[in-house]
Protein backbone atom coordinates (compact mmCIF):
# COMPACT_ATOMS: atom_id res chain seq x y z
CA MET A 1 -3.19 44.88 -3.47
CA LYS A 2 -4.55 43.13 -6.58
CA HIS A 3 -4.26 39.70 -4.92
CA THR A 4 -5.93 41.04 -1.75
CA VAL A 5 -8.94 42.33 -3.71
CA LEU A 6 -9.21 39.08 -5.68
CA PHE A 7 -9.07 37.02 -2.52
CA LEU A 8 -11.75 39.13 -0.81
CA LEU A 9 -14.01 38.72 -3.83
CA ALA A 10 -13.35 34.98 -3.87
CA GLY A 11 -14.11 34.77 -0.16
CA LEU A 12 -17.41 36.61 -0.67
CA ALA A 13 -18.34 34.26 -3.48
CA LEU A 14 -17.45 31.28 -1.31
CA PHE A 15 -19.72 32.49 1.47
CA VAL A 16 -22.62 32.95 -0.91
CA ALA A 17 -22.02 29.56 -2.53
CA SER A 18 -20.66 27.82 0.56
CA PRO A 19 -20.65 24.02 0.54
CA HIS A 20 -22.90 24.23 3.61
CA PHE A 21 -24.83 27.43 2.82
CA THR A 22 -28.10 25.49 2.98
CA GLN A 23 -28.81 21.82 3.43
CA ALA A 24 -32.03 22.29 1.44
CA GLN A 25 -29.97 22.71 -1.73
CA SER A 26 -28.63 19.17 -1.48
CA ASN A 27 -29.63 17.03 -4.46
CA GLY A 28 -29.61 13.60 -2.84
CA GLY A 29 -32.41 11.30 -1.77
CA ALA A 30 -35.73 10.57 -3.40
CA SER A 31 -35.41 13.55 -5.77
CA ASN A 32 -32.83 11.60 -7.78
CA PRO A 33 -34.83 9.55 -10.30
CA SER A 34 -31.88 7.25 -11.09
CA LEU A 35 -31.90 5.77 -7.58
CA PRO A 36 -34.26 3.24 -5.99
CA GLN A 37 -36.84 4.74 -3.66
CA GLY A 38 -35.28 5.63 -0.32
CA SER A 39 -31.68 5.44 -1.59
CA TRP A 40 -29.21 8.31 -1.70
CA ARG A 41 -25.55 8.98 -2.43
CA PHE A 42 -22.42 10.59 -1.10
CA ALA A 43 -18.90 10.92 -2.54
CA VAL A 44 -15.50 10.72 -0.88
CA SER A 45 -11.78 10.92 -1.65
CA GLY A 46 -8.64 12.43 -0.15
CA ASP A 47 -5.10 13.66 -0.72
CA SER A 48 -5.30 16.58 -3.13
CA ARG A 49 -1.81 18.02 -2.77
CA ASN A 50 0.62 18.24 -5.74
CA CYS A 51 -1.96 18.27 -8.58
CA GLY A 52 -5.18 18.85 -6.64
CA ASP A 53 -5.89 22.20 -8.31
CA VAL A 54 -6.04 20.28 -11.59
CA VAL A 55 -7.88 17.18 -10.38
CA MET A 56 -10.31 18.44 -7.72
CA PRO A 57 -12.39 20.64 -10.08
CA ALA A 58 -12.87 17.54 -12.26
CA ILE A 59 -13.90 15.55 -9.19
CA ALA A 60 -16.36 18.29 -8.24
CA ALA A 61 -17.90 18.35 -11.73
CA ASN A 62 -18.33 14.57 -11.82
CA VAL A 63 -19.54 14.36 -8.22
CA LYS A 64 -22.26 16.93 -8.86
CA GLN A 65 -23.49 14.96 -11.87
CA ALA A 66 -24.14 12.02 -9.53
CA ARG A 67 -26.34 14.28 -7.35
CA PRO A 68 -25.05 13.14 -3.94
CA ARG A 69 -25.97 14.66 -0.61
CA PHE A 70 -22.38 15.67 0.13
CA TYR A 71 -18.68 15.27 -0.69
CA TRP A 72 -16.18 14.24 2.00
CA HIS A 73 -12.47 15.12 1.77
CA LEU A 74 -10.27 12.80 3.84
CA GLY A 75 -7.37 15.21 4.32
CA ASP A 76 -4.03 16.47 2.96
CA PHE A 77 -5.19 19.57 1.11
CA ARG A 78 -1.78 21.05 0.24
CA LYS A 79 1.78 19.77 0.60
CA ILE A 80 3.04 22.53 2.98
CA SER A 81 6.51 20.93 3.31
CA GLY A 82 7.20 22.19 -0.22
CA ILE A 83 5.37 24.14 -2.92
CA ASP A 84 2.75 22.07 -4.73
CA GLU A 85 3.52 21.59 -8.42
CA ASP A 86 0.08 22.86 -9.46
CA ILE A 87 0.72 26.17 -7.69
CA GLN A 88 4.20 26.45 -9.21
CA HIS A 89 2.75 25.98 -12.70
CA ASP A 90 -0.37 28.09 -12.29
CA SER A 91 -0.17 30.96 -14.77
CA GLU A 92 -0.64 33.38 -11.86
CA TYR A 93 2.69 32.34 -10.36
CA VAL A 94 4.83 31.26 -13.33
CA ALA A 95 6.13 34.76 -13.96
CA ASN A 96 6.36 35.60 -10.25
CA PRO A 97 7.32 32.43 -8.37
CA LEU A 98 6.37 32.22 -4.70
CA SER A 99 8.88 31.92 -1.90
CA ILE A 100 8.20 29.09 0.53
CA ASP A 101 7.02 31.62 3.12
CA ALA A 102 4.62 33.23 0.66
CA TYR A 103 3.38 29.79 -0.39
CA GLU A 104 2.67 28.76 3.19
CA ASN A 105 0.64 31.94 3.64
CA ILE A 106 -1.61 31.26 0.65
CA ALA A 107 -1.71 27.43 0.54
CA TRP A 108 -4.98 26.91 2.41
CA ASP A 109 -6.61 29.90 0.71
CA ASN A 110 -5.60 28.32 -2.59
CA PHE A 111 -7.26 25.05 -1.51
CA VAL A 112 -10.49 26.84 -0.69
CA GLU A 113 -10.58 28.84 -3.92
CA LYS A 114 -9.37 26.22 -6.40
CA GLN A 115 -10.60 22.97 -4.83
CA LEU A 116 -13.65 23.70 -2.67
CA MET A 117 -15.40 26.47 -4.58
CA PRO A 118 -16.03 24.19 -7.60
CA PHE A 119 -18.48 22.20 -5.44
CA GLY A 120 -20.74 25.26 -5.26
CA SER A 121 -23.69 24.68 -2.91
CA LEU A 122 -23.00 20.96 -2.42
CA PRO A 123 -22.12 20.34 1.26
CA VAL A 124 -18.47 19.45 1.82
CA TYR A 125 -17.13 17.80 4.98
CA LEU A 126 -13.43 17.90 5.87
CA SER A 127 -11.08 15.51 7.65
CA ILE A 128 -7.71 16.68 8.93
CA GLY A 129 -4.61 15.08 7.38
CA ASN A 130 -1.00 14.96 8.48
CA HIS A 131 -0.05 17.73 6.03
CA GLU A 132 -2.52 20.01 7.79
CA THR A 133 -0.22 19.72 10.82
CA THR A 134 3.09 19.96 8.93
CA LYS A 135 5.14 22.89 10.28
CA PRO A 136 4.40 25.76 10.31
CA LYS A 137 0.75 24.63 10.17
CA THR A 138 -0.91 23.37 13.35
CA ARG A 139 -4.15 21.72 14.37
CA ASP A 140 -5.24 24.94 16.10
CA GLU A 141 -4.66 26.94 12.92
CA TYR A 142 -6.63 24.32 10.99
CA LEU A 143 -9.58 24.71 13.36
CA VAL A 144 -9.56 28.46 12.85
CA ARG A 145 -9.14 28.52 9.06
CA PHE A 146 -11.72 25.82 8.35
CA ARG A 147 -14.25 26.70 11.04
CA GLN A 148 -16.69 27.64 8.29
CA TRP A 149 -16.84 23.93 7.39
CA LEU A 150 -16.43 22.47 10.88
CA ASP A 151 -19.10 24.60 12.56
CA VAL A 152 -21.95 24.66 10.05
CA PRO A 153 -25.42 24.57 11.65
CA LYS A 154 -25.86 20.83 11.14
CA LEU A 155 -22.56 19.96 12.85
CA ARG A 156 -22.98 22.56 15.57
CA ALA A 157 -26.47 21.32 16.44
CA GLN A 158 -25.27 17.72 16.62
CA ARG A 159 -22.28 18.68 18.75
CA LEU A 160 -24.40 20.61 21.24
CA ARG A 161 -26.97 17.83 21.45
CA ASP A 162 -24.14 15.48 22.40
CA ASP A 163 -22.53 17.94 24.81
CA PRO A 164 -24.07 21.38 25.58
CA ALA A 165 -20.65 22.59 26.76
CA ALA A 166 -18.95 21.84 23.40
CA LEU A 167 -19.12 25.38 22.07
CA ASP A 168 -16.15 25.10 19.70
CA PRO A 169 -15.58 22.52 16.97
CA LYS A 170 -12.86 19.90 17.08
CA ALA A 171 -11.11 18.11 14.23
CA TYR A 172 -13.15 15.00 15.12
CA TYR A 173 -16.94 15.16 14.91
CA HIS A 174 -20.00 13.35 13.59
CA TRP A 175 -23.36 13.92 12.00
CA ILE A 176 -26.38 11.74 11.26
CA GLU A 177 -27.74 11.48 7.74
CA GLY A 178 -30.90 9.38 7.52
CA ASN A 179 -30.15 6.14 9.37
CA VAL A 180 -26.36 6.49 9.00
CA ASP A 181 -23.96 8.00 11.54
CA PHE A 182 -20.87 9.52 9.89
CA LEU A 183 -17.91 9.75 12.27
CA VAL A 184 -14.86 11.84 11.34
CA LEU A 185 -11.74 10.90 13.31
CA ASP A 186 -8.49 12.83 13.73
CA ASN A 187 -5.27 10.82 13.42
CA ALA A 188 -3.21 13.58 11.80
CA THR A 189 -0.41 13.38 14.38
CA PRO A 190 1.40 10.40 15.98
CA ASP A 191 -0.20 10.96 19.41
CA GLN A 192 -3.69 10.16 18.12
CA PHE A 193 -6.12 8.81 18.97
CA ASP A 194 -5.70 10.44 22.38
CA ALA A 195 -7.78 9.68 25.48
CA ALA A 196 -10.25 12.51 24.90
CA GLN A 197 -10.99 11.46 21.33
CA LEU A 198 -11.33 7.78 22.30
CA SER A 199 -13.77 8.68 25.07
CA TRP A 200 -15.83 10.76 22.67
CA PHE A 201 -15.77 8.01 20.03
CA GLU A 202 -16.83 5.24 22.37
CA LYS A 203 -19.68 7.35 23.75
CA ARG A 204 -20.89 7.82 20.18
CA LEU A 205 -20.75 4.07 19.56
CA ASP A 206 -22.71 3.42 22.77
CA SER A 207 -25.30 5.97 21.71
CA ASP A 208 -25.60 4.39 18.25
CA ALA A 209 -25.91 0.91 19.77
CA ALA A 210 -28.88 2.08 21.85
CA ASN A 211 -30.53 3.90 18.94
CA PRO A 212 -32.63 1.58 16.74
CA ARG A 213 -32.87 4.32 14.13
CA ILE A 214 -29.12 4.08 13.41
CA ARG A 215 -28.52 1.14 11.09
CA THR A 216 -25.04 2.02 9.80
CA LEU A 217 -21.78 3.68 10.83
CA VAL A 218 -19.36 5.14 8.30
CA VAL A 219 -16.06 5.98 9.99
CA GLY A 220 -13.57 8.13 8.10
CA MET A 221 -10.06 9.32 8.91
CA HIS A 222 -6.89 10.28 7.11
CA GLU A 223 -4.56 7.40 8.00
CA ALA A 224 -5.84 3.83 7.85
CA LEU A 225 -6.29 1.94 11.11
CA PRO A 226 -3.38 -0.38 12.04
CA GLU A 227 -2.66 -3.83 10.61
CA SER A 228 -4.14 -3.07 7.19
CA ILE A 229 -2.61 -3.94 3.83
CA SER A 230 -1.25 -0.37 3.81
CA ALA A 231 0.43 -0.76 7.21
CA ASP A 232 3.68 0.69 5.84
CA HIS A 233 1.95 4.10 5.55
CA ALA A 234 -0.76 4.27 8.20
CA MET A 235 -1.27 4.47 11.98
CA ASP A 236 1.30 1.67 12.40
CA GLN A 237 4.14 4.21 12.41
CA SER A 238 3.74 5.17 16.09
CA PRO A 239 3.14 3.12 19.26
CA ALA A 240 0.23 5.37 20.24
CA GLY A 241 -1.26 4.96 16.79
CA ILE A 242 -1.03 1.17 16.92
CA GLU A 243 -2.52 0.89 20.40
CA SER A 244 -5.35 3.38 19.95
CA GLY A 245 -6.07 2.31 16.38
CA ARG A 246 -6.41 -1.35 17.37
CA ARG A 247 -8.80 -0.25 20.11
CA VAL A 248 -10.96 1.67 17.64
CA TYR A 249 -10.99 -1.34 15.30
CA ALA A 250 -12.03 -3.65 18.16
CA ASP A 251 -14.79 -1.19 19.11
CA LEU A 252 -16.07 -1.25 15.55
CA LEU A 253 -16.00 -5.06 15.44
CA LYS A 254 -18.16 -5.08 18.58
CA THR A 255 -20.51 -2.58 16.98
CA GLN A 256 -20.82 -4.74 13.88
CA ASN A 257 -20.94 -8.20 15.45
CA GLY A 258 -22.43 -7.52 18.88
CA ASN A 259 -24.73 -4.61 18.19
CA HIS A 260 -25.60 -5.66 14.64
CA LYS A 261 -24.86 -2.37 12.93
CA ARG A 262 -23.29 -2.10 9.50
CA VAL A 263 -19.77 -0.63 9.67
CA TYR A 264 -17.68 0.85 6.84
CA VAL A 265 -14.20 2.35 7.34
CA LEU A 266 -12.68 4.93 4.97
CA ALA A 267 -9.17 6.42 4.81
CA SER A 268 -6.69 7.97 2.39
CA HIS A 269 -3.02 8.92 3.19
CA SER A 270 -1.73 6.25 0.81
CA HIS A 271 -2.04 7.68 -2.68
CA TYR A 272 -3.88 4.88 -4.42
CA TYR A 273 -7.26 3.16 -4.45
CA MET A 274 -7.86 -0.06 -2.53
CA ASP A 275 -10.97 -2.00 -1.51
CA GLY A 276 -10.59 -4.60 1.24
CA ILE A 277 -7.71 -3.09 3.17
CA PHE A 278 -8.26 -5.11 6.37
CA ASN A 279 -8.07 -8.54 4.75
CA THR A 280 -4.82 -9.32 6.57
CA ASP A 281 -3.54 -12.22 8.66
CA TYR A 282 -3.67 -10.03 11.76
CA TRP A 283 -7.35 -9.13 11.52
CA ARG A 284 -8.40 -12.54 10.25
CA THR A 285 -7.00 -13.97 13.50
CA HIS A 286 -7.94 -11.04 15.78
CA GLY A 287 -11.67 -10.74 15.48
CA GLY A 288 -12.49 -10.43 11.81
CA VAL A 289 -12.25 -8.30 8.70
CA LEU A 290 -14.15 -5.00 8.51
CA PRO A 291 -15.07 -3.46 5.15
CA GLY A 292 -12.39 -0.84 4.48
CA TRP A 293 -11.21 1.40 1.65
CA ILE A 294 -8.33 3.74 0.82
CA ILE A 295 -9.20 6.56 -1.58
CA GLY A 296 -6.08 8.77 -1.70
CA THR A 297 -6.75 9.70 -5.31
CA ALA A 298 -7.57 13.42 -5.45
CA GLY A 299 -4.32 14.73 -6.97
CA ALA A 300 -1.42 13.70 -4.74
CA GLN A 301 1.77 12.07 -6.02
CA ARG A 302 0.89 8.42 -6.64
CA TYR A 303 2.64 5.57 -4.83
CA ALA A 304 3.38 1.97 -5.76
CA LEU A 305 0.93 -0.57 -4.36
CA PRO A 306 2.12 -2.64 -1.38
CA ALA A 307 3.23 -6.22 -1.90
CA ALA A 308 0.10 -7.58 -0.19
CA LYS A 309 -2.18 -5.89 -2.74
CA THR A 310 -3.33 -9.28 -3.99
CA ASP A 311 -5.24 -9.76 -0.72
CA ALA A 312 -7.42 -6.74 -1.53
CA ARG A 313 -10.67 -7.01 -3.44
CA ALA A 314 -9.45 -4.28 -5.80
CA ALA A 315 -6.37 -2.08 -6.00
CA GLU A 316 -5.20 0.56 -8.48
CA THR A 317 -2.43 3.14 -8.50
CA ASN A 318 -1.57 5.97 -10.89
CA VAL A 319 -5.26 6.86 -10.91
CA TYR A 320 -7.35 9.85 -9.88
CA GLY A 321 -10.96 9.66 -8.86
CA PHE A 322 -13.45 9.35 -6.04
CA GLU A 323 -15.62 6.77 -4.35
CA LEU A 324 -19.34 7.09 -5.08
CA ALA A 325 -21.38 5.49 -2.31
CA THR A 326 -25.04 4.55 -2.68
CA VAL A 327 -26.90 4.15 0.62
CA GLY A 328 -29.86 1.80 0.52
CA ARG A 329 -33.09 2.18 2.45
CA THR A 330 -31.97 -0.18 5.22
CA GLY A 331 -28.50 1.35 5.52
CA GLU A 332 -26.51 -0.98 3.29
CA ILE A 333 -23.92 0.90 1.18
CA GLN A 334 -22.52 0.04 -2.23
CA PHE A 335 -19.19 1.68 -3.10
CA GLU A 336 -18.01 2.31 -6.66
CA PHE A 337 -14.70 3.90 -7.63
CA LYS A 338 -15.14 6.58 -10.29
CA ARG A 339 -11.92 7.02 -12.23
CA LEU A 340 -11.07 10.34 -13.91
CA GLU A 341 -9.11 10.77 -17.14
CA GLU A 342 -7.25 13.70 -18.64
CA PRO A 343 -10.21 14.77 -20.87
CA ASP A 344 -12.31 15.22 -17.69
CA ILE A 345 -10.33 18.33 -16.67
CA PRO A 346 -12.60 21.40 -17.01
CA ALA A 347 -11.78 24.18 -19.48
CA SER A 348 -11.54 26.68 -16.62
CA VAL A 349 -8.61 24.66 -15.25
CA LEU A 350 -6.95 24.15 -18.64
CA SER A 351 -6.88 27.92 -19.13
CA ARG A 352 -4.49 28.29 -16.16
CA TYR A 353 -1.98 25.63 -17.21
CA THR A 354 -0.01 24.50 -20.21
CA PRO A 355 -1.18 21.23 -21.82
CA ALA A 356 2.23 19.79 -20.96
CA PHE A 357 1.70 20.32 -17.23
CA VAL A 358 -1.82 18.89 -17.20
CA HIS A 359 -0.49 15.84 -19.02
CA TRP A 360 2.37 15.61 -16.50
CA CYS A 361 -0.16 15.38 -13.67
CA PHE A 362 -1.66 12.30 -15.30
CA ALA A 363 1.48 10.69 -16.73
CA GLU A 364 4.28 11.55 -14.28
CA ASN A 365 2.88 12.62 -10.91
CA ARG A 366 4.10 9.49 -9.16
CA THR A 367 7.06 8.22 -7.19
CA GLY A 368 10.00 8.11 -9.60
CA GLY A 369 8.18 10.14 -12.25
CA ALA A 370 9.80 12.79 -14.40
CA PRO A 371 10.03 16.33 -13.00
CA PRO A 372 7.37 18.81 -14.13
CA PRO A 373 7.99 20.68 -17.39
CA HIS A 374 9.43 24.16 -17.14
């Protein structure tokens, strides 16, 4: 009963301080004196399982200091296939450990309370990751639980302008911010991108090509498009992913080179930071290299960098942080990785954990790292 009351109170607080409660509360744009006239910012990262309850509040605090228009999470909120270490070591559950069934019931509520609420009134956009479809979770359940974020007035209005019959949100969607079209794609399962999503995506590209107001496209998804430096952990793991992902890449090349729009491609899934992910032999000989980033640095267990990391413009692992993007007046975007350190963790988070566990998240939360302290 105690947990039920607490959750209801947390849900009420979240509604009042929802990431999308009002677009007027956004702090981006000309009101930010540190930016050139007409410039504005957004922030993005993904993969907040494992230690996300420790790291994401620090990301939120640092993101808000930069006064962006929104934060974008690229997917994988909780592990689901096992209990996240941050939940195991939260003081609420140390004395009364959760069963896997109980964990699965509270995992997404935990994500909302511990990782989204710290953003307060700053708008937050969500991408679906593969762990959002890990059994027993499903895409349909995702659409129900996160409808509050997927069906905010701005997204609903855009969706209905595109298609008056599209009454319900999907895991893929877009919105226009200034002269930039942000497109959120769904490649959380091996069958994606399916025919319906590809049709929707290509209609959006055609619309943007015909719209002189749109200068830039930012395309975000959980898994990187095929043939990237991170091909060992991306859409390359399924035939449908390879075929449809190459098609999306070719569409974006046409948009950039034929329709003269700026194109930027964002992903996570691999738990490291990398700039220049499409600088590969395949894309150098199949049309060209698009600007691409991986920002899987929001708390998940860190991976070793791939062997081809030297072809990237920048690559780091065993780091947490977010990408801060500054959009110029003509739609050009400058990306800067903002790294977080252990002292950045807020006091409200430290009060729930032992110092040893917080340190473990920074020192050992990686492939081959030591197990968490008891």
